[in-house]
Structure formats: structure tokens, C-alpha cells
Amino acid sequence: MDQEQAWLRVGPSSQNKFILDSGQNLVGRLRVRVTGAPGHVVTFQHVEVPENGESTTRPLRHAAANDTLILSGDEIIWEPRYTIYGSQFVEVTNWPSSDDLPKSEDIVARVLHTDTERTG
């Protein structure tokens, strides 16, 4: 089963970066809707805990928890099929509209879970 989780906070990071906060550690993936110039590259770094306002992969050790989109000039609606992440924060780098943060429907957290009935 899956459900959509709205981002509770969007905070600035360094130039061309911002951090999305779901408010809880969750297991799932992103669904992204974006339009930008052909060849424009947007990256998503999934992290459990930011340090000093920046994403850090230290707690992930050697796990690469990144997604990279190369835009075509047309609107893209993208969601990975074979990858899930456990994280609370996502650092977005190089979003095509440098003046505006994405709308809430542009980047959605898709939480994955079982539909097992509690018995005790």
C-alpha cells in the first residue's frame, strides 16, 4: 500500500539547494513533476539527519541515496519503480526555477507500507 505525505517544512540550504522535511522518518520514494530546459540536471539527496543546515551522508556510510533527473524541456512526472529510501529529509539541488520553491504537488513523498491488520 502507499499513501502521499505532504512536506511539513521546506528550508533553504546553500545556493541552488533546499531541504524538504517530512516531519518523520519514512520509507518510500518521491514522485516529482518538473519542467525545465533540455539537459538541465536536478538531484535529490535522501538523508536521515542534516548537519548545520546541509545534507550529510555520514550516517548512510557507503549507501548512495541519490536520484538524478536530466530534463528534456517537456513536463516530466517521475517516480522510481525499483528503489525506496528510508529518510526524513530530501535535499534538492538545481531546481529549475531558482526564484521559487516547488509547489506542494511538484514533489510528493510516497510512503510505502503493508496493509497488515494489527492483531495484538
Foldseek 3Di string as FASTA:
>chain_A
DKDWQFFPDWACADQQKIKTFRPDWFKFWKWAKAAADAQQKKKKFFAADDDPRHGDCVVVPPDGRMDMDGHGRDIDTDIDDPDMDTHGMIMMGNRRPSVDDDDRVRMITMGDDDPDDDDD
